[in-house]
Structure formats: structure tokens, C-alpha cells
C-alpha atoms as a PDB file:
ATOM      1  CA  MET A   1      19.246 -21.942 -11.151  1.00  0.00           C
ATOM      2  CA  VAL A   2      16.377 -19.923 -11.812  1.00  0.00           C
ATOM      3  CA  SER A   3      16.956 -16.878 -14.157  1.00  0.00           C
ATOM      4  CA  PRO A   4      14.758 -14.012 -15.511  1.00  0.00           C
ATOM      5  CA  SER A   5      12.592 -15.603 -17.768  1.00  0.00           C
ATOM      6  CA  SER A   6       8.995 -16.452 -18.896  1.00  0.00           C
ATOM      7  CA  TYR A   7       6.672 -19.385 -19.555  1.00  0.00           C
ATOM      8  CA  ALA A   8       3.533 -19.078 -21.491  1.00  0.00           C
ATOM      9  CA  PHE A   9       0.751 -21.848 -21.906  1.00  0.00           C
ATOM     10  CA  ARG A  10      -2.095 -22.477 -24.117  1.00  0.00           C
ATOM     11  CA  SER A  11      -4.864 -24.231 -23.637  1.00  0.00           C
ATOM     12  CA  ASP A  12      -8.764 -24.869 -24.897  1.00  0.00           C
ATOM     13  CA  ASP A  13      -9.625 -26.825 -22.043  1.00  0.00           C
ATOM     14  CA  HIS A  14     -12.015 -25.032 -19.802  1.00  0.00           C
ATOM     15  CA  SER A  15     -12.968 -27.175 -17.009  1.00  0.00           C
ATOM     16  CA  ILE A  16      -9.775 -26.599 -15.152  1.00  0.00           C
ATOM     17  CA  LEU A  17      -8.030 -23.718 -13.381  1.00  0.00           C
ATOM     18  CA  THR A  18      -5.024 -23.065 -15.899  1.00  0.00           C
ATOM     19  CA  LEU A  19      -1.539 -21.167 -15.986  1.00  0.00           C
ATOM     20  CA  ASP A  20      -1.862 -18.535 -18.796  1.00  0.00           C
ATOM     21  CA  SER A  21       1.983 -17.405 -18.037  1.00  0.00           C
ATOM     22  CA  VAL A  22       4.627 -16.988 -15.067  1.00  0.00           C
ATOM     23  CA  GLY A  23       8.085 -15.194 -15.129  1.00  0.00           C
ATOM     24  CA  TRP A  24      10.554 -12.960 -13.693  1.00  0.00           C
ATOM     25  CA  GLN A  25      11.319 -10.101 -15.413  1.00  0.00           C
ATOM     26  CA  ILE A  26      13.296  -6.917 -14.934  1.00  0.00           C
ATOM     27  CA  ILE A  27      12.085  -3.710 -16.386  1.00  0.00           C
ATOM     28  CA  GLN A  28      13.883  -0.861 -17.842  1.00  0.00           C
ATOM     29  CA  SER A  29      11.813   0.588 -20.413  1.00  0.00           C
ATOM     30  CA  ALA A  30       9.102   3.054 -20.155  1.00  0.00           C
ATOM     31  CA  GLU A  31       7.401   1.394 -22.885  1.00  0.00           C
ATOM     32  CA  TYR A  32       6.228  -1.042 -19.999  1.00  0.00           C
ATOM     33  CA  SER A  33       2.946  -0.341 -19.830  1.00  0.00           C
ATOM     34  CA  PHE A  34      -0.649  -2.444 -19.899  1.00  0.00           C
ATOM     35  CA  ALA A  35      -4.222  -1.448 -19.793  1.00  0.00           C
ATOM     36  CA  GLY A  36      -7.053  -3.748 -18.384  1.00  0.00           C
ATOM     37  CA  GLU A  37      -9.510  -2.588 -21.254  1.00  0.00           C
ATOM     38  CA  ASP A  38      -7.439  -2.625 -24.239  1.00  0.00           C
ATOM     39  CA  ARG A  39      -5.356  -6.022 -24.136  1.00  0.00           C
ATOM     40  CA  PRO A  40      -6.587  -8.696 -26.450  1.00  0.00           C
ATOM     41  CA  ASP A  41      -5.973 -11.162 -24.236  1.00  0.00           C
ATOM     42  CA  CYS A  42      -9.106 -11.327 -22.041  1.00  0.00           C
ATOM     43  CA  GLY A  43     -10.474 -13.735 -19.398  1.00  0.00           C
ATOM     44  CA  HIS A  44      -7.878 -13.965 -16.953  1.00  0.00           C
ATOM     45  CA  VAL A  45      -6.027 -12.825 -13.569  1.00  0.00           C
ATOM     46  CA  ILE A  46      -3.166 -11.014 -13.011  1.00  0.00           C
ATOM     47  CA  PHE A  47      -1.030 -11.393  -9.687  1.00  0.00           C
ATOM     48  CA  GLN A  48       2.719  -9.352 -10.246  1.00  0.00           C
ATOM     49  CA  TYR A  49       4.862  -8.811  -7.347  1.00  0.00           C
ATOM     50  CA  THR A  50       7.260  -6.047  -7.236  1.00  0.00           C
ATOM     51  CA  LEU A  51      11.186  -7.376  -6.147  1.00  0.00           C
ATOM     52  CA  SER A  52      12.639  -4.105  -6.177  1.00  0.00           C
ATOM     53  CA  GLY A  53      12.167  -1.047  -7.742  1.00  0.00           C
ATOM     54  CA  GLN A  54       9.188   0.573  -8.390  1.00  0.00           C
ATOM     55  CA  GLY A  55       5.744   0.837 -10.858  1.00  0.00           C
ATOM     56  CA  ILE A  56       2.470   2.334 -10.756  1.00  0.00           C
ATOM     57  CA  LEU A  57      -0.930   0.604 -11.038  1.00  0.00           C
ATOM     58  CA  GLU A  58      -3.858   2.730 -11.339  1.00  0.00           C
ATOM     59  CA  TYR A  59      -6.852   0.908 -10.628  1.00  0.00           C
ATOM     60  CA  GLU A  60     -10.405   2.845 -10.709  1.00  0.00           C
ATOM     61  CA  GLN A  61      -9.340   6.178 -10.501  1.00  0.00           C
ATOM     62  CA  GLN A  62      -6.717   5.341  -7.540  1.00  0.00           C
ATOM     63  CA  ARG A  63      -3.427   5.400  -8.139  1.00  0.00           C
ATOM     64  CA  PHE A  64      -0.868   2.850  -6.311  1.00  0.00           C
ATOM     65  CA  THR A  65       2.905   3.110  -5.833  1.00  0.00           C
ATOM     66  CA  LEU A  66       4.327  -0.626  -5.912  1.00  0.00           C
ATOM     67  CA  ASP A  67       7.560  -0.472  -4.019  1.00  0.00           C
ATOM     68  CA  GLN A  68       9.463  -3.424  -3.166  1.00  0.00           C
ATOM     69  CA  GLY A  69       6.969  -6.560  -0.686  1.00  0.00           C
ATOM     70  CA  THR A  70       3.915  -4.838  -2.898  1.00  0.00           C
ATOM     71  CA  GLY A  71       2.077  -7.268  -5.180  1.00  0.00           C
ATOM     72  CA  PHE A  72      -1.280  -6.554  -7.057  1.00  0.00           C
ATOM     73  CA  LEU A  73      -4.293  -8.574  -8.415  1.00  0.00           C
ATOM     74  CA  VAL A  74      -6.141  -7.343 -11.085  1.00  0.00           C
ATOM     75  CA  LYS A  75      -8.534  -9.248 -13.753  1.00  0.00           C
ATOM     76  CA  VAL A  76      -8.741  -8.580 -17.695  1.00  0.00           C
ATOM     77  CA  PRO A  77     -10.963  -7.033 -18.881  1.00  0.00           C
ATOM     78  CA  SER A  78     -11.397  -4.250 -15.727  1.00  0.00           C
ATOM     79  CA  ARG A  79     -10.290  -0.283 -15.448  1.00  0.00           C
ATOM     80  CA  HIS A  80      -6.636  -0.522 -14.799  1.00  0.00           C
ATOM     81  CA  ARG A  81      -3.335   0.066 -15.914  1.00  0.00           C
ATOM     82  CA  TYR A  82       0.065  -0.889 -14.534  1.00  0.00           C
ATOM     83  CA  TYR A  83       3.195   0.492 -15.611  1.00  0.00           C
ATOM     84  CA  TYR A  84       6.882   1.587 -15.306  1.00  0.00           C
ATOM     85  CA  THR A  85       8.259   5.051 -15.539  1.00  0.00           C
ATOM     86  CA  ASP A  86      11.801   5.288 -15.938  1.00  0.00           C
ATOM     87  CA  ASN A  87      13.641   6.271 -12.670  1.00  0.00           C
ATOM     88  CA  GLY A  88      16.894   5.195 -13.350  1.00  0.00           C
ATOM     89  CA  THR A  89      16.069   1.879 -11.111  1.00  0.00           C
ATOM     90  CA  PRO A  90      14.813  -1.208 -12.788  1.00  0.00           C
ATOM     91  CA  TRP A  91      11.730  -2.382 -11.851  1.00  0.00           C
ATOM     92  CA  GLU A  92      11.900  -6.423 -11.064  1.00  0.00           C
ATOM     93  CA  ILE A  93       8.909  -8.278 -10.919  1.00  0.00           C
ATOM     94  CA  LEU A  94       7.710 -12.020 -10.218  1.00  0.00           C
ATOM     95  CA  TRP A  95       4.017 -12.458 -12.074  1.00  0.00           C
ATOM     96  CA  LEU A  96       1.445 -15.171 -12.478  1.00  0.00           C
ATOM     97  CA  ASN A  97      -1.572 -15.130 -14.935  1.00  0.00           C
ATOM     98  CA  LEU A  98      -4.293 -17.858 -14.567  1.00  0.00           C
ATOM     99  CA  ARG A  99      -7.580 -18.566 -15.957  1.00  0.00           C
ATOM    100  CA  GLY A 100     -10.546 -20.634 -14.539  1.00  0.00           C
ATOM    101  CA  GLU A 101     -13.704 -19.311 -12.794  1.00  0.00           C
ATOM    102  CA  GLU A 102     -12.275 -20.295  -9.509  1.00  0.00           C
ATOM    103  CA  ALA A 103      -9.265 -17.869 -10.315  1.00  0.00           C
ATOM    104  CA  ASN A 104     -11.753 -15.166 -10.591  1.00  0.00           C
ATOM    105  CA  ARG A 105     -13.818 -16.095  -7.720  1.00  0.00           C
ATOM    106  CA  ILE A 106     -10.655 -16.111  -5.440  1.00  0.00           C
ATOM    107  CA  TRP A 107      -8.976 -12.681  -6.429  1.00  0.00           C
ATOM    108  CA  ASP A 108     -12.861 -11.293  -6.170  1.00  0.00           C
ATOM    109  CA  LEU A 109     -12.564 -12.163  -2.258  1.00  0.00           C
ATOM    110  CA  VAL A 110      -9.015 -11.126  -1.799  1.00  0.00           C
ATOM    111  CA  ILE A 111      -9.716  -7.707  -3.439  1.00  0.00           C
ATOM    112  CA  GLY A 112     -12.592  -7.607  -1.190  1.00  0.00           C
ATOM    113  CA  GLN A 113     -10.453  -8.255   2.033  1.00  0.00           C
ATOM    114  CA  GLU A 114      -7.485  -6.278   1.138  1.00  0.00           C
ATOM    115  CA  GLY A 115      -7.850  -4.202  -1.843  1.00  0.00           C
ATOM    116  CA  PRO A 116      -5.838  -4.471  -5.850  1.00  0.00           C
ATOM    117  CA  VAL A 117      -2.609  -4.309  -3.800  1.00  0.00           C
ATOM    118  CA  ILE A 118      -1.665  -6.491  -0.966  1.00  0.00           C
ATOM    119  CA  HIS A 119       2.003  -6.816   0.781  1.00  0.00           C
ATOM    120  CA  ARG A 120       3.946  -9.749   1.282  1.00  0.00           C
ATOM    121  CA  ASP A 121       7.216 -10.395   2.552  1.00  0.00           C
ATOM    122  CA  ALA A 122       9.844 -11.622   0.161  1.00  0.00           C
ATOM    123  CA  ASP A 123      10.367 -14.697   2.270  1.00  0.00           C
ATOM    124  CA  SER A 124       6.566 -15.451   2.924  1.00  0.00           C
ATOM    125  CA  PRO A 125       4.872 -18.591   1.677  1.00  0.00           C
ATOM    126  CA  LEU A 126       3.009 -16.780  -1.052  1.00  0.00           C
ATOM    127  CA  ILE A 127       6.282 -15.739  -2.780  1.00  0.00           C
ATOM    128  CA  LEU A 128       8.273 -18.748  -1.885  1.00  0.00           C
ATOM    129  CA  ASP A 129       5.700 -20.861  -3.472  1.00  0.00           C
ATOM    130  CA  LEU A 130       5.716 -18.495  -6.780  1.00  0.00           C
ATOM    131  CA  TRP A 131       9.412 -19.173  -6.957  1.00  0.00           C
ATOM    132  CA  LYS A 132       8.725 -22.796  -6.004  1.00  0.00           C
ATOM    133  CA  LEU A 133       6.311 -23.209  -9.264  1.00  0.00           C
ATOM    134  CA  LEU A 134       8.811 -21.165 -11.539  1.00  0.00           C
ATOM    135  CA  SER A 135      11.477 -23.412 -10.411  1.00  0.00           C
ATOM    136  CA  MET A 136       9.509 -26.455 -11.626  1.00  0.00           C
ATOM    137  CA  ILE A 137       8.903 -24.889 -14.703  1.00  0.00           C
ATOM    138  CA  ALA A 138      12.380 -23.754 -15.487  1.00  0.00           C
ATOM    139  CA  GLU A 139      14.456 -26.887 -13.806  1.00  0.00           C
ATOM    140  CA  GLU A 140      12.576 -29.771 -13.782  1.00  0.00           C
ATOM    141  CA  ASN A 141      10.505 -29.005 -17.143  1.00  0.00           C
ATOM    142  CA  VAL A 142       6.866 -29.424 -15.603  1.00  0.00           C
ATOM    143  CA  ILE A 143       4.717 -28.861 -18.013  1.00  0.00           C
ATOM    144  CA  ASP A 144       1.685 -31.243 -17.473  1.00  0.00           C
ATOM    145  CA  LYS A 145      -1.683 -29.021 -17.185  1.00  0.00           C
ATOM    146  CA  TYR A 146      -2.946 -31.078 -14.613  1.00  0.00           C
ATOM    147  CA  GLN A 147       0.458 -30.836 -12.399  1.00  0.00           C
ATOM    148  CA  LEU A 148       0.524 -27.463 -13.104  1.00  0.00           C
ATOM    149  CA  SER A 149      -3.137 -26.822 -12.394  1.00  0.00           C
ATOM    150  CA  SER A 150      -2.758 -28.706  -8.897  1.00  0.00           C
ATOM    151  CA  THR A 151       0.346 -26.433  -7.666  1.00  0.00           C
ATOM    152  CA  VAL A 152      -1.121 -22.916  -8.592  1.00  0.00           C
ATOM    153  CA  TYR A 153      -4.085 -24.101  -7.162  1.00  0.00           C
ATOM    154  CA  GLU A 154      -2.256 -24.572  -3.550  1.00  0.00           C
ATOM    155  CA  TRP A 155      -0.664 -21.862  -4.452  1.00  0.00           C
ATOM    156  CA  MET A 156      -4.057 -19.754  -4.505  1.00  0.00           C
ATOM    157  CA  LEU A 157      -5.366 -21.209  -1.223  1.00  0.00           C
ATOM    158  CA  THR A 158      -1.789 -19.972   0.364  1.00  0.00           C
ATOM    159  CA  LEU A 159      -3.155 -16.571  -0.763  1.00  0.00           C
ATOM    160  CA  VAL A 160      -6.502 -17.116   0.490  1.00  0.00           C
ATOM    161  CA  LYS A 161      -5.240 -18.367   3.587  1.00  0.00           C
ATOM    162  CA  THR A 162      -2.671 -15.355   4.185  1.00  0.00           C
ATOM    163  CA  SER A 163      -5.440 -13.163   3.412  1.00  0.00           C
ATOM    164  CA  ARG A 164      -7.556 -14.016   5.919  1.00  0.00           C
ATOM    165  CA  GLU A 165      -4.855 -14.206   8.470  1.00  0.00           C
ATOM    166  CA  ILE A 166      -4.208 -10.606   8.173  1.00  0.00           C
ATOM    167  CA  ASN A 167      -7.750  -9.338   8.145  1.00  0.00           C
ATOM    168  CA  LYS A 168      -7.882 -11.609  11.506  1.00  0.00           C
ATOM    169  CA  ASP A 169      -8.600  -9.858  15.012  1.00  0.00           C
ATOM    170  CA  ILE A 170      -7.073  -6.911  15.382  1.00  0.00           C
ATOM    171  CA  ASN A 171      -3.257  -7.549  16.537  1.00  0.00           C
ATOM    172  CA  GLU A 172      -0.247  -5.231  17.855  1.00  0.00           C
ATOM    173  CA  ASN A 173       1.215  -4.520  14.297  1.00  0.00           C
ATOM    174  CA  SER A 174      -2.888  -3.359  13.551  1.00  0.00           C
ATOM    175  CA  ILE A 175      -3.195  -1.494  16.831  1.00  0.00           C
ATOM    176  CA  SER A 176       0.468   0.617  16.267  1.00  0.00           C
ATOM    177  CA  ILE A 177      -0.852   1.178  12.453  1.00  0.00           C
ATOM    178  CA  ILE A 178      -4.405   2.949  14.006  1.00  0.00           C
ATOM    179  CA  LEU A 179      -2.563   4.464  16.600  1.00  0.00           C
ATOM    180  CA  LYS A 180       0.127   6.338  14.099  1.00  0.00           C
ATOM    181  CA  ALA A 181      -2.910   6.833  11.925  1.00  0.00           C
ATOM    182  CA  LYS A 182      -4.767   8.713  14.576  1.00  0.00           C
ATOM    183  CA  ARG A 183      -1.870  10.817  15.957  1.00  0.00           C
ATOM    184  CA  PHE A 184      -1.266  12.193  12.709  1.00  0.00           C
ATOM    185  CA  MET A 185      -4.594  13.220  12.179  1.00  0.00           C
ATOM    186  CA  LYS A 186      -4.659  14.929  15.767  1.00  0.00           C
ATOM    187  CA  GLU A 187      -1.673  16.674  15.119  1.00  0.00           C
ATOM    188  CA  HIS A 188      -2.566  17.991  11.274  1.00  0.00           C
ATOM    189  CA  TYR A 189      -6.051  17.980  11.553  1.00  0.00           C
ATOM    190  CA  ALA A 190      -5.747  21.437  10.070  1.00  0.00           C
ATOM    191  CA  SER A 191      -3.874  20.573   6.624  1.00  0.00           C
ATOM    192  CA  PRO A 192      -5.879  18.851   3.737  1.00  0.00           C
ATOM    193  CA  ILE A 193      -5.135  15.239   4.777  1.00  0.00           C
ATOM    194  CA  THR A 194      -6.364  12.656   2.396  1.00  0.00           C
ATOM    195  CA  LEU A 195      -6.723   8.737   2.570  1.00  0.00           C
ATOM    196  CA  ASP A 196      -3.824   8.614  -0.302  1.00  0.00           C
ATOM    197  CA  MET A 197      -1.687  10.759   2.494  1.00  0.00           C
ATOM    198  CA  LEU A 198      -2.544   8.947   5.643  1.00  0.00           C
ATOM    199  CA  SER A 199      -2.111   5.501   4.061  1.00  0.00           C
ATOM    200  CA  GLU A 200       1.493   6.625   2.921  1.00  0.00           C
ATOM    201  CA  HIS A 201       2.628   8.182   6.219  1.00  0.00           C
ATOM    202  CA  CYS A 202       1.206   4.991   7.699  1.00  0.00           C
ATOM    203  CA  GLY A 203       3.073   2.540   5.431  1.00  0.00           C
ATOM    204  CA  VAL A 204      -0.260   0.697   4.121  1.00  0.00           C
ATOM    205  CA  ASN A 205      -2.726   0.825   1.463  1.00  0.00           C
ATOM    206  CA  LYS A 206      -5.961   2.897   2.027  1.00  0.00           C
ATOM    207  CA  HIS A 207      -8.197   0.072   1.356  1.00  0.00           C
ATOM    208  CA  TYR A 208      -6.245  -2.148   4.530  1.00  0.00           C
ATOM    209  CA  LEU A 209      -6.172   0.928   6.528  1.00  0.00           C
ATOM    210  CA  CYS A 210     -10.029   1.630   5.958  1.00  0.00           C
ATOM    211  CA  ARG A 211     -10.728  -1.858   7.069  1.00  0.00           C
ATOM    212  CA  LEU A 212      -8.849  -1.432  10.156  1.00  0.00           C
ATOM    213  CA  PHE A 213     -10.162   1.468  11.112  1.00  0.00           C
ATOM    214  CA  GLN A 214     -13.519   0.247  10.525  1.00  0.00           C
ATOM    215  CA  LYS A 215     -12.732  -2.654  12.347  1.00  0.00           C
ATOM    216  CA  SER A 216     -11.470  -1.482  15.381  1.00  0.00           C
ATOM    217  CA  GLU A 217     -13.247   2.058  15.739  1.00  0.00           C
ATOM    218  CA  GLN A 218     -16.586   0.987  13.760  1.00  0.00           C
ATOM    219  CA  SER A 219     -15.873   4.234  11.732  1.00  0.00           C
ATOM    220  CA  PRO A 220     -13.876   5.253   8.728  1.00  0.00           C
ATOM    221  CA  PRO A 221     -10.628   7.559   9.344  1.00  0.00           C
ATOM    222  CA  LEU A 222     -11.768  10.433   7.612  1.00  0.00           C
ATOM    223  CA  SER A 223     -14.835  10.552   9.887  1.00  0.00           C
ATOM    224  CA  TYR A 224     -12.393  10.175  12.798  1.00  0.00           C
ATOM    225  CA  LEU A 225     -10.360  13.361  11.466  1.00  0.00           C
ATOM    226  CA  ARG A 226     -13.753  14.615  10.885  1.00  0.00           C
ATOM    227  CA  ASP A 227     -14.340  14.470  15.024  1.00  0.00           C
ATOM    228  CA  ARG A 228     -11.085  15.893  15.254  1.00  0.00           C
ATOM    229  CA  ARG A 229     -11.752  19.093  13.371  1.00  0.00           C
ATOM    230  CA  VAL A 230     -15.311  19.944  15.297  1.00  0.00           C
ATOM    231  CA  GLU A 231     -13.736  19.278  18.281  1.00  0.00           C
ATOM    232  CA  ALA A 232     -11.290  21.863  17.739  1.00  0.00           C
ATOM    233  CA  ALA A 233     -13.619  24.506  15.952  1.00  0.00           C
ATOM    234  CA  VAL A 234     -16.280  24.276  19.277  1.00  0.00           C
ATOM    235  CA  THR A 235     -12.967  25.166  21.141  1.00  0.00           C
ATOM    236  CA  LEU A 236     -12.108  27.949  19.223  1.00  0.00           C
ATOM    237  CA  LEU A 237     -15.709  29.238  18.677  1.00  0.00           C
ATOM    238  CA  ARG A 238     -15.648  29.248  22.819  1.00  0.00           C
ATOM    239  CA  THR A 239     -12.439  30.976  23.773  1.00  0.00           C
ATOM    240  CA  THR A 240     -11.470  33.206  20.547  1.00  0.00           C
ATOM    241  CA  ASP A 241     -13.232  36.133  18.840  1.00  0.00           C
ATOM    242  CA  LEU A 242     -11.773  34.804  15.344  1.00  0.00           C
ATOM    243  CA  PRO A 243     -14.422  34.963  12.444  1.00  0.00           C
ATOM    244  CA  ILE A 244     -15.649  32.248  11.957  1.00  0.00           C
ATOM    245  CA  GLN A 245     -14.590  31.528   8.373  1.00  0.00           C
ATOM    246  CA  ASP A 246     -11.431  31.482  10.155  1.00  0.00           C
ATOM    247  CA  VAL A 247     -12.061  29.200  12.512  1.00  0.00           C
ATOM    248  CA  GLY A 248     -13.401  26.660   9.917  1.00  0.00           C
ATOM    249  CA  LYS A 249     -10.143  27.219   8.004  1.00  0.00           C
ATOM    250  CA  GLN A 250      -7.894  26.931  10.609  1.00  0.00           C
ATOM    251  CA  CYS A 251      -9.871  23.506  11.640  1.00  0.00           C
ATOM    252  CA  GLY A 252      -8.771  22.246   7.789  1.00  0.00           C
ATOM    253  CA  PHE A 253     -12.590  22.884   6.806  1.00  0.00           C
ATOM    254  CA  GLU A 254     -12.001  24.314   2.740  1.00  0.00           C
ATOM    255  CA  SER A 255     -14.989  26.478   2.727  1.00  0.00           C
ATOM    256  CA  PRO A 256     -17.022  28.122   5.205  1.00  0.00           C
ATOM    257  CA  SER A 257     -20.336  26.721   3.410  1.00  0.00           C
ATOM    258  CA  TYR A 258     -18.699  23.065   4.181  1.00  0.00           C
ATOM    259  CA  PHE A 259     -17.659  23.986   7.563  1.00  0.00           C
ATOM    260  CA  GLY A 260     -21.089  25.126   8.814  1.00  0.00           C
ATOM    261  CA  LYS A 261     -23.154  22.177   7.284  1.00  0.00           C
ATOM    262  CA  VAL A 262     -20.663  19.438   8.880  1.00  0.00           C
ATOM    263  CA  PHE A 263     -20.751  21.675  12.420  1.00  0.00           C
ATOM    264  CA  ARG A 264     -24.795  21.961  12.066  1.00  0.00           C
ATOM    265  CA  GLU A 265     -24.430  17.534  11.514  1.00  0.00           C
ATOM    266  CA  TYR A 266     -22.904  17.410  14.915  1.00  0.00           C
ATOM    267  CA  MET A 267     -24.454  19.962  17.188  1.00  0.00           C
ATOM    268  CA  SER A 268     -27.794  20.933  15.424  1.00  0.00           C
ATOM    269  CA  MET A 269     -27.025  24.385  14.987  1.00  0.00           C
ATOM    270  CA  THR A 270     -24.941  26.803  13.351  1.00  0.00           C
ATOM    271  CA  PRO A 271     -21.486  28.076  14.347  1.00  0.00           C
ATOM    272  CA  LYS A 272     -22.395  31.486  15.127  1.00  0.00           C
ATOM    273  CA  GLU A 273     -25.706  29.998  17.138  1.00  0.00           C
ATOM    274  CA  TYR A 274     -23.241  28.006  19.194  1.00  0.00           C
ATOM    275  CA  ARG A 275     -21.387  31.116  20.013  1.00  0.00           C
ATOM    276  CA  MET A 276     -24.204  33.067  21.099  1.00  0.00           C
ATOM    277  CA  LYS A 277     -25.492  30.399  23.002  1.00  0.00           C
ATOM    278  CA  LYS A 278     -22.925  30.716  26.083  1.00  0.00           C
ATOM    279  CA  PHE A 279     -24.828  30.184  28.734  1.00  0.00           C
ATOM    280  CA  GLU A 280     -26.904  27.106  27.383  1.00  0.00           C
ATOM    281  CA  PHE A 281     -23.817  25.751  26.126  1.00  0.00           C
ATOM    282  CA  PRO A 282     -21.168  26.993  28.933  1.00  0.00           C
ATOM    283  CA  TYR A 283     -18.677  23.946  28.125  1.00  0.00           C
ATOM    284  CA  ASP A 284     -15.249  25.519  26.130  1.00  0.00           C
ATOM    285  CA  ALA A 285     -14.414  21.740  25.111  1.00  0.00           C
ATOM    286  CA  ILE A 286     -16.555  18.741  23.495  1.00  0.00           C
ATOM    287  CA  TYR A 287     -15.097  15.222  22.735  1.00  0.00           C
ATOM    288  CA  TYR A 288     -16.476  12.796  20.502  1.00  0.00           C
ATOM    289  CA  HIS A 289     -15.318   9.395  21.960  1.00  0.00           C
ATOM    290  CA  GLU A 290     -13.349   6.940  19.704  1.00  0.00           C
END
């Protein structure tokens, strides 16, 4: 029976993919913090998966909450930091560190497709295979570098396969996510919505949400939001006497100057000019196709 433990391997053989370390750990101290630019041990890639609890990943000026069922991929060195904040609940993780050109290539591929944070169920092939690897070492005493290399390479193939399956044609779950995002933006266009807020509402990371939107709508989510805001502004300009700056504010534009800039891009005239051209533009609403 495997218990929380970790194993490290060292080799001067750089001709093959090598396992650097693997483990199962329960973290309870806020001293657990690793920055990708400060580590003395460079030249490897990391996969870390949350079994329970919660951690944080900061990655190139973005911040991700690492809840149960999420894993992250980073390279060392790179601009990232992952850490535990003592919230009373331990952070239970599985991790895997690899070395080799192929590992770096696979990490670039998956990060490009899903972003640095991925979602996999605990009973998914990727996580079950990681448990099998840990069991091989802990219970069967498998330490041969070639056998370990072969096993972790198969694990990486599973990572690539599942990543590509996630990024295939839009499926029912993806459609549900897109509709949920659209509904949220339609209902809250007047609020200062960010990609982080939208992705949190939809339960996916923002890189994945952007890819879904781009694939389905041929535009990013915030472009869709901007369309809805301009539509609302057109209606208010035509059907109310609200001051133009109030129209912009009620439609989610943070400043009058930005409102004017965006409106001109859409309508080729300022909000004031549009309001005055009532007879040339008799419609009370304009809709930008989704």
C-alpha cells in the first residue's frame, strides 16, 4: 500500500528522458513555496496535481487557484511560483519532475493547448498512471533508469492524448461552458468583468475558455462582451436623454474617453454624432452577430 512519500533519481545520462523525482505529499506549512527563477536545481519540468485542499500558482503575472482536480505544468527555470497558504486545510498533492528534451517539448505543446493549469479527474488515465508509477517504485522497487524512462514516456503520451482530446471539436460540455459565459456577459455587461472572473464563473481556466471561444465564435470572450456593451450603448443613446458619459458608465466602459474610442471603432462616429443623426440612422438597436 502506497503512503505519502517521495523518491529522487540522479543520472549523468542526458541521452534519454529521465525521472528526476516523484511523490505524494501532504502540505501543512506556509513555508512550502517554490519560485522557478530562484531554484538551484534547473533543467527539468514539473507536473503537480491537487488531490485535496488548495494551493496557488503564479505564472507570468497570472494567478491560478489550484483546487482539487487541477494540475499545473511548469519548466525550471521560468517565471512562476507555486505555494501553500495555511487556510486550515492541508494541500495534498502528487508530483512528477522530468528531465530531457522530449519532456520540454511535450510541456510546451500542452501548455500551448491548455495553458499552465489543466483539469483532470482523479480517476482519469493520466492520474491513475501516475499512481501506478509511484506504486512501481514504492512497492516493486523499480529503479532501473530505462524502465522508468519507458514508463514516464508512456505517461507523457497519455498527457498529450488527453490534451488533444480536450481540444478536439466543440462537444456538449464545451458548448455548455460557452453558453454559460455568454449568459453571464449578457447579464452583467455593465459590471467590470475580467477574464479571471469569467473563467471562475464557468469553472475553467481562462486559457481554455479563450480557446473554446476562439474555436466556436472566432473571437475572444472580451470581444463578445464589448459587442454587447456597444449594443446597449446604441439603444440608450437613441431611446434616452442620459448624458453620454452616463451611457458609457451604464454599459460597462470605465471612462468616457475609452467609451468614445470603442464606439467610434464600431460606428465610425462619436456617441454624440450618432445621437444627433437620428434620421440617417433610424434604428433603436443594433446587434452584432455572434
